[in-house]
Amino acid sequence: MDNQFQTGSISQVQNFLNAKLNQWGFADETLHERLLLLTEEVGELIHACRKISGMNNDQAREITKQAGEEIADILNLVFAVGIKLDLNIENEFLKVIDKVDQRTYKRADVNIN
């Protein structure tokens, strides 16, 4: 598997979504509105994953969306928040990847009685 990132990919998505936000009439949303919507979508993903994983669910509540659709909604809103903050999301992403590449991770041994 190629471990290289194609630069420009995230910037293309960011530019595409920015144009879509304008087209859809969402360019005037505030930062707080976008964060509220992002939080709502994360909650919907949690509900979908609860159903998928077999956790107890409110039987009266119908969960109509699938996890993939919720993840796409979350990605759209993460980009929308980044756009509102005037961030270059690709640059931020690559900076974080560089930091994580320098770390060493190991799962902790946890014994809870």
N, C-alpha and C. Protein backbone atom coordinates (compact mmCIF):
# COMPACT_ATOMS: atom_id res chain seq x y z
N MET A 1 0.84 -1.18 0.00
CA MET A 1 0.00 0.00 0.00
C MET A 1 0.88 1.24 0.00
N ASP A 2 0.58 2.17 -0.88
CA ASP A 2 1.32 3.42 -0.97
C ASP A 2 1.03 4.27 0.27
N ASN A 3 2.08 4.69 0.93
CA ASN A 3 1.94 5.45 2.17
C ASN A 3 2.10 6.95 1.93
N GLN A 4 1.99 7.38 0.69
CA GLN A 4 2.15 8.79 0.34
C GLN A 4 0.78 9.45 0.18
N PHE A 5 0.71 10.70 0.54
CA PHE A 5 -0.52 11.46 0.43
C PHE A 5 -0.47 12.33 -0.83
N GLN A 6 -1.54 12.31 -1.58
CA GLN A 6 -1.63 13.13 -2.80
C GLN A 6 -2.03 14.54 -2.39
N THR A 7 -1.05 15.44 -2.31
CA THR A 7 -1.36 16.81 -1.91
C THR A 7 -2.33 17.44 -2.90
N GLY A 8 -3.17 18.28 -2.37
CA GLY A 8 -4.20 18.93 -3.17
C GLY A 8 -5.55 18.26 -3.04
N SER A 9 -5.56 17.01 -2.58
CA SER A 9 -6.82 16.26 -2.47
C SER A 9 -7.79 16.91 -1.50
N ILE A 10 -7.33 17.20 -0.30
CA ILE A 10 -8.21 17.79 0.71
C ILE A 10 -8.59 19.21 0.31
N SER A 11 -7.65 19.94 -0.27
CA SER A 11 -7.96 21.30 -0.73
C SER A 11 -9.06 21.29 -1.78
N GLN A 12 -9.04 20.29 -2.66
CA GLN A 12 -10.10 20.17 -3.66
C GLN A 12 -11.45 19.94 -3.00
N VAL A 13 -11.49 19.07 -2.00
CA VAL A 13 -12.74 18.81 -1.28
C VAL A 13 -13.20 20.10 -0.58
N GLN A 14 -12.27 20.79 0.06
CA GLN A 14 -12.62 22.03 0.76
C GLN A 14 -13.19 23.06 -0.21
N ASN A 15 -12.55 23.24 -1.35
CA ASN A 15 -13.05 24.20 -2.34
C ASN A 15 -14.41 23.78 -2.89
N PHE A 16 -14.57 22.49 -3.16
CA PHE A 16 -15.84 21.97 -3.66
C PHE A 16 -16.96 22.23 -2.66
N LEU A 17 -16.70 21.89 -1.39
CA LEU A 17 -17.74 22.07 -0.38
C LEU A 17 -18.03 23.55 -0.14
N ASN A 18 -17.04 24.39 -0.20
CA ASN A 18 -17.27 25.82 -0.04
C ASN A 18 -18.22 26.33 -1.13
N ALA A 19 -18.00 25.89 -2.37
CA ALA A 19 -18.90 26.27 -3.46
C ALA A 19 -20.31 25.73 -3.22
N LYS A 20 -20.41 24.49 -2.73
CA LYS A 20 -21.72 23.89 -2.44
C LYS A 20 -22.44 24.64 -1.32
N LEU A 21 -21.71 25.02 -0.27
CA LEU A 21 -22.32 25.78 0.81
C LEU A 21 -22.92 27.08 0.29
N ASN A 22 -22.20 27.73 -0.61
CA ASN A 22 -22.73 28.95 -1.23
C ASN A 22 -23.96 28.64 -2.09
N GLN A 23 -23.87 27.59 -2.89
CA GLN A 23 -24.97 27.19 -3.77
C GLN A 23 -26.23 26.85 -2.96
N TRP A 24 -26.05 26.16 -1.85
CA TRP A 24 -27.18 25.72 -1.03
C TRP A 24 -27.73 26.83 -0.14
N GLY A 25 -27.05 27.97 -0.08
CA GLY A 25 -27.52 29.08 0.75
C GLY A 25 -27.08 29.02 2.20
N PHE A 26 -26.00 28.28 2.48
CA PHE A 26 -25.52 28.14 3.85
C PHE A 26 -24.29 28.99 4.15
N ALA A 27 -23.90 29.85 3.24
CA ALA A 27 -22.68 30.64 3.44
C ALA A 27 -22.80 31.58 4.63
N ASP A 28 -24.03 31.96 5.00
CA ASP A 28 -24.20 32.90 6.10
C ASP A 28 -24.35 32.23 7.46
N GLU A 29 -24.22 30.90 7.51
CA GLU A 29 -24.29 30.23 8.80
C GLU A 29 -23.16 30.72 9.70
N THR A 30 -23.48 30.85 10.97
CA THR A 30 -22.45 31.25 11.93
C THR A 30 -21.61 30.04 12.33
N LEU A 31 -20.48 30.31 12.93
CA LEU A 31 -19.63 29.25 13.45
C LEU A 31 -20.41 28.40 14.45
N HIS A 32 -21.15 29.06 15.33
CA HIS A 32 -21.92 28.34 16.36
C HIS A 32 -23.00 27.46 15.74
N GLU A 33 -23.64 27.94 14.69
CA GLU A 33 -24.64 27.11 14.02
C GLU A 33 -24.00 25.85 13.43
N ARG A 34 -22.86 26.01 12.82
CA ARG A 34 -22.18 24.86 12.23
C ARG A 34 -21.71 23.89 13.30
N LEU A 35 -21.23 24.40 14.41
CA LEU A 35 -20.81 23.52 15.51
C LEU A 35 -22.00 22.79 16.10
N LEU A 36 -23.13 23.45 16.21
CA LEU A 36 -24.34 22.80 16.72
C LEU A 36 -24.77 21.68 15.79
N LEU A 37 -24.76 21.94 14.49
CA LEU A 37 -25.12 20.90 13.52
C LEU A 37 -24.13 19.74 13.55
N LEU A 38 -22.85 20.04 13.71
CA LEU A 38 -21.83 18.98 13.81
C LEU A 38 -22.10 18.09 15.02
N THR A 39 -22.41 18.71 16.14
CA THR A 39 -22.71 17.96 17.35
C THR A 39 -23.94 17.07 17.15
N GLU A 40 -24.94 17.61 16.49
CA GLU A 40 -26.16 16.83 16.21
C GLU A 40 -25.84 15.61 15.35
N GLU A 41 -25.01 15.79 14.33
CA GLU A 41 -24.66 14.67 13.45
C GLU A 41 -23.83 13.62 14.17
N VAL A 42 -22.94 14.04 15.08
CA VAL A 42 -22.17 13.07 15.86
C VAL A 42 -23.13 12.24 16.71
N GLY A 43 -24.14 12.88 17.29
CA GLY A 43 -25.14 12.15 18.05
C GLY A 43 -25.89 11.14 17.20
N GLU A 44 -26.22 11.52 15.96
CA GLU A 44 -26.91 10.60 15.07
C GLU A 44 -26.02 9.41 14.71
N LEU A 45 -24.72 9.65 14.54
CA LEU A 45 -23.79 8.54 14.29
C LEU A 45 -23.74 7.61 15.49
N ILE A 46 -23.74 8.18 16.67
CA ILE A 46 -23.72 7.36 17.89
C ILE A 46 -24.96 6.48 17.95
N HIS A 47 -26.11 7.04 17.66
CA HIS A 47 -27.34 6.24 17.68
C HIS A 47 -27.29 5.12 16.63
N ALA A 48 -26.79 5.44 15.44
CA ALA A 48 -26.69 4.41 14.40
C ALA A 48 -25.72 3.31 14.83
N CYS A 49 -24.60 3.67 15.44
CA CYS A 49 -23.62 2.68 15.88
C CYS A 49 -24.14 1.86 17.05
N ARG A 50 -24.93 2.47 17.91
CA ARG A 50 -25.56 1.70 18.99
C ARG A 50 -26.43 0.60 18.41
N LYS A 51 -27.18 0.94 17.39
CA LYS A 51 -28.05 -0.05 16.76
C LYS A 51 -27.22 -1.15 16.10
N ILE A 52 -26.19 -0.74 15.37
CA ILE A 52 -25.33 -1.69 14.66
C ILE A 52 -24.65 -2.64 15.64
N SER A 53 -24.19 -2.11 16.79
CA SER A 53 -23.43 -2.92 17.74
C SER A 53 -24.32 -3.77 18.64
N GLY A 54 -25.62 -3.58 18.56
CA GLY A 54 -26.53 -4.38 19.37
C GLY A 54 -26.78 -3.86 20.76
N MET A 55 -26.38 -2.62 21.03
CA MET A 55 -26.66 -2.03 22.34
C MET A 55 -28.16 -1.83 22.51
N ASN A 56 -28.56 -1.66 23.75
CA ASN A 56 -29.96 -1.34 24.01
C ASN A 56 -30.33 -0.02 23.35
N ASN A 57 -31.49 -0.01 22.70
CA ASN A 57 -31.99 1.18 22.03
C ASN A 57 -33.44 1.40 22.38
N ASP A 58 -33.86 2.63 22.34
CA ASP A 58 -35.27 2.96 22.51
C ASP A 58 -36.01 2.37 21.32
N GLN A 59 -36.88 1.41 21.57
CA GLN A 59 -37.58 0.71 20.49
C GLN A 59 -38.55 1.61 19.75
N ALA A 60 -38.99 2.69 20.39
CA ALA A 60 -39.92 3.61 19.74
C ALA A 60 -39.19 4.57 18.80
N ARG A 61 -37.88 4.67 18.95
CA ARG A 61 -37.12 5.60 18.11
C ARG A 61 -36.63 4.87 16.87
N GLU A 62 -37.04 5.39 15.74
CA GLU A 62 -36.61 4.80 14.48
C GLU A 62 -35.30 5.47 14.06
N ILE A 63 -34.32 4.65 13.77
CA ILE A 63 -33.04 5.16 13.28
C ILE A 63 -33.02 4.87 11.79
N THR A 64 -33.20 5.92 11.00
CA THR A 64 -33.37 5.72 9.56
C THR A 64 -32.07 5.83 8.77
N LYS A 65 -31.13 6.61 9.27
CA LYS A 65 -29.89 6.80 8.52
C LYS A 65 -28.89 5.70 8.86
N GLN A 66 -28.00 5.45 7.95
CA GLN A 66 -26.94 4.48 8.13
C GLN A 66 -25.67 5.19 8.62
N ALA A 67 -24.76 4.43 9.21
CA ALA A 67 -23.53 5.00 9.75
C ALA A 67 -22.73 5.73 8.68
N GLY A 68 -22.66 5.18 7.48
CA GLY A 68 -21.89 5.84 6.41
C GLY A 68 -22.43 7.21 6.07
N GLU A 69 -23.74 7.33 6.02
CA GLU A 69 -24.35 8.63 5.74
C GLU A 69 -24.06 9.62 6.86
N GLU A 70 -24.08 9.14 8.10
CA GLU A 70 -23.78 10.02 9.23
C GLU A 70 -22.33 10.48 9.20
N ILE A 71 -21.42 9.58 8.85
CA ILE A 71 -20.01 9.97 8.75
C ILE A 71 -19.82 11.01 7.65
N ALA A 72 -20.51 10.84 6.53
CA ALA A 72 -20.42 11.83 5.45
C ALA A 72 -20.97 13.18 5.91
N ASP A 73 -22.08 13.17 6.66
CA ASP A 73 -22.62 14.41 7.22
C ASP A 73 -21.60 15.09 8.13
N ILE A 74 -20.93 14.27 8.97
CA ILE A 74 -19.93 14.81 9.90
C ILE A 74 -18.76 15.42 9.13
N LEU A 75 -18.29 14.71 8.11
CA LEU A 75 -17.18 15.25 7.32
C LEU A 75 -17.56 16.57 6.67
N ASN A 76 -18.76 16.63 6.11
CA ASN A 76 -19.21 17.89 5.50
C ASN A 76 -19.21 19.02 6.51
N LEU A 77 -19.68 18.73 7.71
CA LEU A 77 -19.74 19.79 8.72
C LEU A 77 -18.38 20.13 9.29
N VAL A 78 -17.47 19.16 9.40
CA VAL A 78 -16.11 19.47 9.82
C VAL A 78 -15.47 20.43 8.81
N PHE A 79 -15.66 20.14 7.54
CA PHE A 79 -15.15 21.06 6.51
C PHE A 79 -15.83 22.41 6.61
N ALA A 80 -17.14 22.43 6.84
CA ALA A 80 -17.87 23.69 6.93
C ALA A 80 -17.35 24.53 8.10
N VAL A 81 -17.03 23.89 9.21
CA VAL A 81 -16.46 24.62 10.36
C VAL A 81 -15.07 25.15 9.98
N GLY A 82 -14.25 24.32 9.36
CA GLY A 82 -12.92 24.77 8.94
C GLY A 82 -12.98 25.92 7.96
N ILE A 83 -13.95 25.88 7.06
CA ILE A 83 -14.14 26.97 6.09
C ILE A 83 -14.52 28.24 6.83
N LYS A 84 -15.44 28.13 7.78
CA LYS A 84 -15.87 29.30 8.56
C LYS A 84 -14.69 29.90 9.32
N LEU A 85 -13.76 29.05 9.78
CA LEU A 85 -12.58 29.53 10.51
C LEU A 85 -11.46 29.96 9.58
N ASP A 86 -11.70 29.86 8.26
CA ASP A 86 -10.73 30.25 7.24
C ASP A 86 -9.42 29.47 7.38
N LEU A 87 -9.57 28.17 7.65
CA LEU A 87 -8.40 27.29 7.78
C LEU A 87 -8.07 26.62 6.45
N ASN A 88 -6.80 26.33 6.25
CA ASN A 88 -6.39 25.46 5.16
C ASN A 88 -6.37 24.06 5.78
N ILE A 89 -7.47 23.34 5.60
CA ILE A 89 -7.65 22.06 6.28
C ILE A 89 -6.57 21.06 5.88
N GLU A 90 -6.16 21.08 4.63
CA GLU A 90 -5.11 20.16 4.20
C GLU A 90 -3.81 20.41 4.95
N ASN A 91 -3.41 21.66 5.08
CA ASN A 91 -2.18 21.97 5.82
C ASN A 91 -2.28 21.53 7.27
N GLU A 92 -3.43 21.79 7.89
CA GLU A 92 -3.64 21.39 9.28
C GLU A 92 -3.58 19.87 9.42
N PHE A 93 -4.21 19.16 8.49
CA PHE A 93 -4.22 17.71 8.48
C PHE A 93 -2.79 17.17 8.39
N LEU A 94 -2.01 17.70 7.46
CA LEU A 94 -0.64 17.22 7.27
C LEU A 94 0.25 17.51 8.48
N LYS A 95 0.03 18.66 9.13
CA LYS A 95 0.79 18.97 10.34
C LYS A 95 0.49 17.95 11.44
N VAL A 96 -0.76 17.58 11.59
CA VAL A 96 -1.14 16.60 12.60
C VAL A 96 -0.55 15.23 12.26
N ILE A 97 -0.60 14.85 11.00
CA ILE A 97 -0.03 13.55 10.59
C ILE A 97 1.46 13.51 10.92
N ASP A 98 2.17 14.61 10.67
CA ASP A 98 3.60 14.66 11.01
C ASP A 98 3.81 14.46 12.51
N LYS A 99 2.98 15.09 13.33
CA LYS A 99 3.10 14.94 14.78
C LYS A 99 2.84 13.49 15.21
N VAL A 100 1.78 12.92 14.68
CA VAL A 100 1.41 11.55 15.06
C VAL A 100 2.48 10.56 14.61
N ASP A 101 3.09 10.81 13.46
CA ASP A 101 4.17 9.94 12.98
C ASP A 101 5.34 9.88 13.95
N GLN A 102 5.50 10.90 14.77
CA GLN A 102 6.62 10.96 15.72
C GLN A 102 6.31 10.24 17.03
N ARG A 103 5.06 9.84 17.23
CA ARG A 103 4.64 9.22 18.48
C ARG A 103 4.73 7.70 18.41
N THR A 104 4.79 7.09 19.58
CA THR A 104 4.72 5.63 19.69
C THR A 104 3.50 5.30 20.53
N TYR A 105 2.67 4.41 20.02
CA TYR A 105 1.44 4.05 20.72
C TYR A 105 1.47 2.59 21.14
N LYS A 106 0.90 2.34 22.30
CA LYS A 106 0.75 0.99 22.79
C LYS A 106 -0.53 0.97 23.63
N ARG A 107 -1.34 -0.05 23.40
CA ARG A 107 -2.57 -0.18 24.17
C ARG A 107 -2.22 -0.49 25.63
N ALA A 108 -2.86 0.22 26.55
CA ALA A 108 -2.61 0.01 27.98
C ALA A 108 -3.29 -1.26 28.44
N ASP A 109 -2.64 -1.94 29.36
CA ASP A 109 -3.24 -3.10 30.00
C ASP A 109 -4.15 -2.58 31.12
N VAL A 110 -5.43 -2.85 30.98
CA VAL A 110 -6.40 -2.34 31.96
C VAL A 110 -7.09 -3.53 32.60
N ASN A 111 -7.10 -3.52 33.91
CA ASN A 111 -7.76 -4.58 34.66
C ASN A 111 -8.79 -3.92 35.57
N ILE A 112 -10.04 -3.93 35.14
CA ILE A 112 -11.11 -3.33 35.93
C ILE A 112 -11.93 -4.45 36.53
N ASN A 113 -12.06 -4.43 37.84
CA ASN A 113 -12.84 -5.47 38.53
C ASN A 113 -14.21 -4.97 38.89
